[in-house]
Amino acid sequence: METLWTTMVRFMHRLTDRRGQGTVEYLGLVLAVGALLLAVSVQVKGGGAGIGGQISKSMEKAISSITQP
């Protein structure tokens, strides 16, 4: 049976472990860029002809090319 000390030491090692940190930072960056693109496309309100429409169409095209085999 584990002692309380051993459990606490394992917990502290988990808190200070750096595995996966780069993935979290990369995900945050991707979300920030996505939010920026969304804000720009909403602000411009180009419909289908302006830059907002072009950004929307480009994003839809990129997503569909990734999701389709």
Protein backbone atom coordinates (compact mmCIF):
# COMPACT_ATOMS: atom_id res chain seq x y z
CA MET A 1 0.00 0.00 0.00
CA GLU A 2 1.31 3.43 -0.93
CA THR A 3 2.03 5.93 1.73
CA LEU A 4 0.68 9.44 1.64
CA TRP A 5 4.19 10.74 0.96
CA THR A 6 4.62 8.53 -2.12
CA THR A 7 1.25 9.65 -3.45
CA MET A 8 2.14 13.31 -2.95
CA VAL A 9 5.51 12.88 -4.67
CA ARG A 10 3.87 11.23 -7.70
CA PHE A 11 1.29 14.01 -7.86
CA MET A 12 4.01 16.69 -7.79
CA HIS A 13 5.88 14.93 -10.59
CA ARG A 14 2.73 14.98 -12.71
CA LEU A 15 2.28 18.70 -12.12
CA THR A 16 5.83 19.52 -13.19
CA ASP A 17 5.92 17.15 -16.18
CA ARG A 18 6.46 19.03 -19.46
CA ARG A 19 5.24 16.32 -21.84
CA GLY A 20 2.55 17.71 -24.13
CA GLN A 21 3.35 21.35 -23.36
CA GLY A 22 4.26 22.13 -26.97
CA THR A 23 0.98 20.65 -28.17
CA VAL A 24 -1.00 22.86 -25.80
CA GLU A 25 0.88 25.96 -26.92
CA TYR A 26 0.42 25.07 -30.59
CA LEU A 27 -3.31 24.53 -30.06
CA GLY A 28 -3.57 27.93 -28.36
CA LEU A 29 -1.82 29.57 -31.30
CA VAL A 30 -4.12 27.89 -33.81
CA LEU A 31 -7.19 28.97 -31.83
CA ALA A 32 -5.92 32.55 -31.64
CA VAL A 33 -5.32 32.73 -35.40
CA GLY A 34 -8.76 31.21 -36.04
CA ALA A 35 -10.41 33.77 -33.77
CA LEU A 36 -8.54 36.57 -35.55
CA LEU A 37 -9.67 35.34 -38.97
CA LEU A 38 -13.22 35.03 -37.75
CA ALA A 39 -13.17 38.55 -36.32
CA VAL A 40 -11.80 39.97 -39.57
CA SER A 41 -14.36 38.18 -41.70
CA VAL A 42 -17.25 39.30 -39.47
CA GLN A 43 -16.00 42.89 -39.31
CA VAL A 44 -15.62 43.27 -43.06
CA LYS A 45 -19.12 41.85 -43.77
CA GLY A 46 -18.27 41.23 -47.38
CA GLY A 47 -20.95 38.68 -48.04
CA GLY A 48 -19.84 36.77 -51.08
CA ALA A 49 -17.88 39.45 -52.90
CA GLY A 50 -15.58 41.10 -50.31
CA ILE A 51 -12.58 39.94 -48.37
CA GLY A 52 -14.80 38.39 -45.69
CA GLY A 53 -16.43 36.17 -48.28
CA GLN A 54 -13.06 35.26 -49.75
CA ILE A 55 -11.73 34.28 -46.33
CA SER A 56 -14.83 32.22 -45.61
CA LYS A 57 -14.62 30.43 -48.95
CA SER A 58 -10.90 29.76 -48.50
CA MET A 59 -11.42 28.34 -45.03
CA GLU A 60 -14.30 26.16 -46.21
CA LYS A 61 -12.17 24.90 -49.09
CA ALA A 62 -9.23 24.13 -46.80
CA ILE A 63 -11.40 22.31 -44.28
CA SER A 64 -13.16 20.27 -46.96
CA SER A 65 -9.83 19.30 -48.53
CA ILE A 66 -8.63 18.02 -45.15
CA THR A 67 -11.79 16.12 -44.26
CA GLN A 68 -12.36 14.42 -47.61
CA PRO A 69 -10.15 11.43 -48.49
